[in-house]
């Protein structure tokens, strides 16, 4: 019986060692998985932030371009309006001159 008990105790000790190795291995796998998951998540966040900054910069560029275009267009229209106002004033004066000349005839 002593030999059987010793074999049983040795089997239990080996089973405990094996179980400890399995648990340690599982912990290592879990830690590696968590590290990989965290790294991939951080990479996704970084890519998202980079894409977001790119979109933001593109929108700012578009806004600045449109603002510049509209400013130039406004300046062109103001210049044209001033030119038309001067033409109107000149023609009004010419009309009044003709009207005055007609009245003297």
N, C-alpha and C. Protein backbone atom coordinates (compact mmCIF):
# COMPACT_ATOMS: atom_id res chain seq x y z
N UNK A 1 0.81 -1.18 0.00
CA UNK A 1 0.00 0.00 0.00
C UNK A 1 0.87 1.27 0.00
N UNK A 2 2.00 1.19 0.58
CA UNK A 2 2.88 2.34 0.63
C UNK A 2 3.30 2.77 -0.78
N UNK A 3 3.59 1.76 -1.59
CA UNK A 3 3.98 2.09 -2.95
C UNK A 3 2.82 2.71 -3.71
N UNK A 4 1.61 2.22 -3.49
CA UNK A 4 0.43 2.76 -4.15
C UNK A 4 0.16 4.19 -3.67
N UNK A 5 0.32 4.39 -2.37
CA UNK A 5 0.13 5.74 -1.84
C UNK A 5 1.18 6.69 -2.38
N UNK A 6 2.40 6.23 -2.47
CA UNK A 6 3.49 7.07 -2.97
C UNK A 6 3.23 7.40 -4.45
N UNK A 7 2.77 6.39 -5.21
CA UNK A 7 2.47 6.62 -6.62
C UNK A 7 1.31 7.61 -6.76
N UNK A 8 0.32 7.46 -5.89
CA UNK A 8 -0.82 8.38 -5.90
C UNK A 8 -0.38 9.81 -5.56
N UNK A 9 0.44 9.93 -4.54
CA UNK A 9 0.94 11.25 -4.14
C UNK A 9 1.78 11.85 -5.26
N UNK A 10 2.63 11.01 -5.87
CA UNK A 10 3.46 11.49 -7.00
C UNK A 10 2.58 11.90 -8.18
N UNK A 11 1.52 11.13 -8.44
CA UNK A 11 0.59 11.46 -9.53
C UNK A 11 -0.12 12.78 -9.24
N UNK A 12 -0.53 12.98 -7.99
CA UNK A 12 -1.18 14.23 -7.63
C UNK A 12 -0.22 15.41 -7.78
N UNK A 13 1.04 15.20 -7.36
CA UNK A 13 2.02 16.25 -7.47
C UNK A 13 2.29 16.59 -8.94
N UNK A 14 2.38 15.58 -9.77
CA UNK A 14 2.59 15.81 -11.19
C UNK A 14 1.36 16.47 -11.83
N UNK A 15 0.17 16.06 -11.38
CA UNK A 15 -1.05 16.67 -11.89
C UNK A 15 -1.11 18.15 -11.47
N UNK A 16 -0.70 18.44 -10.23
CA UNK A 16 -0.66 19.83 -9.77
C UNK A 16 0.35 20.65 -10.59
N UNK A 17 1.53 20.05 -10.85
CA UNK A 17 2.52 20.75 -11.68
C UNK A 17 1.99 21.00 -13.08
N UNK A 18 1.35 19.97 -13.64
CA UNK A 18 0.78 20.13 -14.98
C UNK A 18 -0.31 21.20 -14.98
N UNK A 19 -1.17 21.17 -13.97
CA UNK A 19 -2.24 22.17 -13.87
C UNK A 19 -1.65 23.56 -13.72
N UNK A 20 -0.59 23.69 -12.91
CA UNK A 20 0.08 24.98 -12.74
C UNK A 20 0.67 25.46 -14.06
N UNK A 21 1.28 24.57 -14.83
CA UNK A 21 1.83 24.92 -16.15
C UNK A 21 0.73 25.35 -17.10
N UNK A 22 -0.40 24.63 -17.06
CA UNK A 22 -1.53 24.98 -17.93
C UNK A 22 -2.07 26.36 -17.56
N UNK A 23 -2.25 26.61 -16.27
CA UNK A 23 -2.75 27.91 -15.83
C UNK A 23 -1.77 29.03 -16.17
N UNK A 24 -0.48 28.77 -15.99
CA UNK A 24 0.53 29.77 -16.34
C UNK A 24 0.51 30.04 -17.84
N UNK A 25 0.39 28.98 -18.61
CA UNK A 25 0.32 29.12 -20.07
C UNK A 25 -0.93 29.93 -20.46
N UNK A 26 -2.05 29.63 -19.84
CA UNK A 26 -3.28 30.37 -20.12
C UNK A 26 -3.13 31.85 -19.75
N UNK A 27 -2.48 32.10 -18.61
CA UNK A 27 -2.25 33.49 -18.22
C UNK A 27 -1.36 34.20 -19.23
N UNK A 28 -0.31 33.51 -19.70
CA UNK A 28 0.58 34.09 -20.71
C UNK A 28 -0.18 34.38 -22.00
N UNK A 29 -1.02 33.45 -22.41
CA UNK A 29 -1.82 33.64 -23.63
C UNK A 29 -2.76 34.83 -23.45
N UNK A 30 -3.38 34.92 -22.27
CA UNK A 30 -4.30 36.03 -22.00
C UNK A 30 -3.56 37.36 -22.02
N UNK A 31 -2.38 37.40 -21.41
CA UNK A 31 -1.59 38.64 -21.38
C UNK A 31 -1.19 39.03 -22.81
N UNK A 32 -0.73 38.06 -23.59
CA UNK A 32 -0.33 38.35 -24.98
C UNK A 32 -1.54 38.82 -25.79
N UNK A 33 -2.69 38.19 -25.59
CA UNK A 33 -3.90 38.62 -26.29
C UNK A 33 -4.28 40.04 -25.91
N UNK A 34 -4.23 40.34 -24.60
CA UNK A 34 -4.57 41.69 -24.14
C UNK A 34 -3.61 42.72 -24.71
N UNK A 35 -2.32 42.38 -24.76
CA UNK A 35 -1.34 43.30 -25.33
C UNK A 35 -1.60 43.53 -26.82
N UNK A 36 -1.86 42.46 -27.53
CA UNK A 36 -2.14 42.58 -28.96
C UNK A 36 -3.42 43.37 -29.19
N UNK A 37 -4.45 43.08 -28.41
CA UNK A 37 -5.73 43.79 -28.52
C UNK A 37 -5.54 45.28 -28.24
N UNK A 38 -4.80 45.59 -27.19
CA UNK A 38 -4.54 46.98 -26.83
C UNK A 38 -3.76 47.69 -27.93
N UNK A 39 -2.74 47.02 -28.49
CA UNK A 39 -1.94 47.61 -29.55
C UNK A 39 -2.79 47.86 -30.80
N UNK A 40 -3.62 46.90 -31.17
CA UNK A 40 -4.48 47.07 -32.34
C UNK A 40 -5.49 48.19 -32.11
N UNK A 41 -6.05 48.25 -30.93
CA UNK A 41 -7.00 49.30 -30.60
C UNK A 41 -6.34 50.68 -30.67
N UNK A 42 -5.12 50.78 -30.15
CA UNK A 42 -4.39 52.05 -30.21
C UNK A 42 -4.08 52.42 -31.65
N UNK A 43 -3.73 51.43 -32.46
CA UNK A 43 -3.45 51.68 -33.89
C UNK A 43 -4.70 52.20 -34.59
N UNK A 44 -5.84 51.61 -34.29
CA UNK A 44 -7.10 52.06 -34.88
C UNK A 44 -7.41 53.49 -34.44
N UNK A 45 -7.21 53.78 -33.16
CA UNK A 45 -7.45 55.14 -32.66
C UNK A 45 -6.52 56.14 -33.34
N UNK A 46 -5.26 55.76 -33.49
CA UNK A 46 -4.30 56.66 -34.15
C UNK A 46 -4.68 56.91 -35.60
N UNK A 47 -5.07 55.85 -36.31
CA UNK A 47 -5.50 56.01 -37.70
C UNK A 47 -6.74 56.88 -37.78
N UNK A 48 -7.68 56.68 -36.87
CA UNK A 48 -8.91 57.47 -36.83
C UNK A 48 -8.57 58.94 -36.61
N UNK A 49 -7.71 59.21 -35.64
CA UNK A 49 -7.33 60.60 -35.35
C UNK A 49 -6.60 61.23 -36.54
N UNK A 50 -5.74 60.45 -37.18
CA UNK A 50 -5.01 60.95 -38.35
C UNK A 50 -6.00 61.26 -39.48
N UNK A 51 -6.93 60.36 -39.73
CA UNK A 51 -7.94 60.59 -40.77
C UNK A 51 -8.81 61.79 -40.42
N UNK A 52 -9.16 61.92 -39.16
CA UNK A 52 -9.98 63.04 -38.71
C UNK A 52 -9.24 64.36 -38.93
N UNK A 53 -7.96 64.40 -38.60
CA UNK A 53 -7.17 65.61 -38.82
C UNK A 53 -7.05 65.92 -40.31
N UNK A 54 -6.91 64.89 -41.13
CA UNK A 54 -6.82 65.09 -42.58
C UNK A 54 -8.12 65.68 -43.12
N UNK A 55 -9.24 65.12 -42.69
CA UNK A 55 -10.55 65.64 -43.12
C UNK A 55 -10.73 67.07 -42.64
N UNK A 56 -10.34 67.34 -41.40
CA UNK A 56 -10.45 68.69 -40.85
C UNK A 56 -9.61 69.67 -41.67
N UNK A 57 -8.38 69.27 -42.00
CA UNK A 57 -7.50 70.14 -42.78
C UNK A 57 -8.07 70.36 -44.18
N UNK A 58 -8.61 69.30 -44.78
CA UNK A 58 -9.22 69.44 -46.10
C UNK A 58 -10.41 70.40 -46.07
N UNK A 59 -11.23 70.30 -45.03
CA UNK A 59 -12.36 71.22 -44.90
C UNK A 59 -11.90 72.65 -44.71
N UNK A 60 -10.84 72.83 -43.93
CA UNK A 60 -10.30 74.18 -43.75
C UNK A 60 -9.76 74.73 -45.07
N UNK A 61 -9.08 73.89 -45.82
CA UNK A 61 -8.56 74.32 -47.13
C UNK A 61 -9.69 74.71 -48.06
N UNK A 62 -10.74 73.89 -48.09
CA UNK A 62 -11.89 74.18 -48.94
C UNK A 62 -12.54 75.49 -48.50
N UNK A 63 -12.71 75.67 -47.19
CA UNK A 63 -13.31 76.89 -46.65
C UNK A 63 -12.48 78.11 -47.04
N UNK A 64 -11.16 78.01 -46.88
CA UNK A 64 -10.29 79.14 -47.23
C UNK A 64 -10.35 79.44 -48.72
N UNK A 65 -10.37 78.39 -49.55
CA UNK A 65 -10.44 78.58 -50.99
C UNK A 65 -11.75 79.25 -51.37
N UNK A 66 -12.85 78.78 -50.81
CA UNK A 66 -14.15 79.38 -51.12
C UNK A 66 -14.22 80.82 -50.62
N UNK A 67 -13.69 81.06 -49.44
CA UNK A 67 -13.69 82.41 -48.90
C UNK A 67 -12.88 83.34 -49.81
N UNK A 68 -11.74 82.87 -50.25
CA UNK A 68 -10.91 83.67 -51.15
C UNK A 68 -11.65 83.94 -52.46
N UNK A 69 -12.26 82.90 -53.00
CA UNK A 69 -13.01 83.05 -54.25
C UNK A 69 -14.16 84.05 -54.09
N UNK A 70 -14.89 83.93 -53.00
CA UNK A 70 -16.02 84.84 -52.78
C UNK A 70 -15.54 86.28 -52.55
N UNK A 71 -14.43 86.43 -51.86
CA UNK A 71 -13.87 87.77 -51.65
C UNK A 71 -13.46 88.40 -52.98
N UNK A 72 -12.79 87.60 -53.81
CA UNK A 72 -12.40 88.10 -55.12
C UNK A 72 -13.63 88.46 -55.95
N UNK A 73 -14.62 87.62 -55.92
CA UNK A 73 -15.86 87.87 -56.68
C UNK A 73 -16.56 89.13 -56.18
N UNK A 74 -16.59 89.31 -54.84
CA UNK A 74 -17.19 90.51 -54.27
C UNK A 74 -16.45 91.76 -54.74
N UNK A 75 -15.11 91.70 -54.70
CA UNK A 75 -14.31 92.84 -55.15
C UNK A 75 -14.57 93.15 -56.62
N UNK A 76 -14.65 92.10 -57.45
CA UNK A 76 -14.95 92.30 -58.87
C UNK A 76 -16.31 92.96 -59.05
N UNK A 77 -17.30 92.49 -58.31
CA UNK A 77 -18.65 93.05 -58.43
C UNK A 77 -18.71 94.47 -57.90
N UNK A 78 -17.99 94.78 -56.85
CA UNK A 78 -17.97 96.15 -56.35
C UNK A 78 -17.33 97.07 -57.37
N UNK A 79 -16.25 96.62 -58.00
CA UNK A 79 -15.59 97.40 -59.04
C UNK A 79 -16.53 97.63 -60.22
N UNK A 80 -17.22 96.57 -60.61
CA UNK A 80 -18.17 96.67 -61.72
C UNK A 80 -19.32 97.62 -61.36
N UNK A 81 -19.80 97.51 -60.14
CA UNK A 81 -20.88 98.37 -59.67
C UNK A 81 -20.43 99.83 -59.67
N UNK A 82 -19.21 100.08 -59.22
CA UNK A 82 -18.69 101.46 -59.22
C UNK A 82 -18.57 101.98 -60.65
N UNK A 83 -18.12 101.11 -61.55
CA UNK A 83 -18.00 101.50 -62.96
C UNK A 83 -19.38 101.82 -63.55
N UNK A 84 -20.36 100.98 -63.24
CA UNK A 84 -21.72 101.22 -63.74
C UNK A 84 -22.31 102.49 -63.13
N UNK A 85 -22.03 102.75 -61.84
CA UNK A 85 -22.50 103.98 -61.21
C UNK A 85 -21.90 105.20 -61.90
N UNK A 86 -20.61 105.13 -62.24
CA UNK A 86 -19.96 106.24 -62.94
C UNK A 86 -20.57 106.42 -64.33
N UNK A 87 -20.80 105.31 -65.04
CA UNK A 87 -21.43 105.40 -66.36
C UNK A 87 -22.82 106.02 -66.25
N UNK A 88 -23.56 105.62 -65.23
CA UNK A 88 -24.90 106.17 -65.03
C UNK A 88 -24.82 107.68 -64.78
N UNK A 89 -23.89 108.07 -63.93
CA UNK A 89 -23.75 109.50 -63.62
C UNK A 89 -23.35 110.27 -64.89
N UNK A 90 -22.42 109.72 -65.67
CA UNK A 90 -21.98 110.38 -66.91
C UNK A 90 -23.14 110.48 -67.89
N UNK A 91 -23.89 109.43 -68.03
CA UNK A 91 -25.02 109.43 -68.97
C UNK A 91 -26.13 110.35 -68.48
N UNK A 92 -26.32 110.39 -67.16
CA UNK A 92 -27.33 111.28 -66.59
C UNK A 92 -26.94 112.73 -66.89
N UNK A 93 -25.66 113.03 -66.70
CA UNK A 93 -25.17 114.39 -66.99
C UNK A 93 -25.32 114.70 -68.47
N UNK A 94 -24.97 113.73 -69.31
CA UNK A 94 -25.09 113.93 -70.76
C UNK A 94 -26.56 114.12 -71.14
N UNK A 95 -27.45 113.37 -70.54
CA UNK A 95 -28.88 113.51 -70.82
C UNK A 95 -29.37 114.88 -70.41
N UNK A 96 -28.96 115.31 -69.22
CA UNK A 96 -29.40 116.63 -68.75
C UNK A 96 -28.82 117.74 -69.64
N UNK A 97 -27.58 117.55 -70.10
CA UNK A 97 -26.98 118.53 -71.03
C UNK A 97 -27.77 118.58 -72.33
N UNK A 98 -28.13 117.41 -72.85
CA UNK A 98 -28.92 117.36 -74.08
C UNK A 98 -30.30 117.98 -73.86
N UNK A 99 -30.88 117.70 -72.74
CA UNK A 99 -32.20 118.24 -72.42
C UNK A 99 -32.13 119.77 -72.31
N UNK A 100 -31.10 120.28 -71.69
CA UNK A 100 -30.91 121.72 -71.58
C UNK A 100 -30.69 122.33 -72.96
N UNK A 101 -29.89 121.67 -73.76
CA UNK A 101 -29.63 122.16 -75.13
C UNK A 101 -30.90 122.12 -75.95
N UNK A 102 -31.70 121.10 -75.79
CA UNK A 102 -32.96 121.00 -76.52
C UNK A 102 -33.92 122.11 -76.13
N UNK A 103 -33.94 122.45 -74.88
CA UNK A 103 -34.84 123.50 -74.39
C UNK A 103 -34.42 124.87 -74.94
N UNK A 104 -33.14 125.06 -75.16
CA UNK A 104 -32.68 126.34 -75.70
C UNK A 104 -32.97 126.48 -77.17
N UNK A 105 -33.25 125.40 -77.80
CA UNK A 105 -33.55 125.49 -79.24
C UNK A 105 -34.96 125.81 -79.44
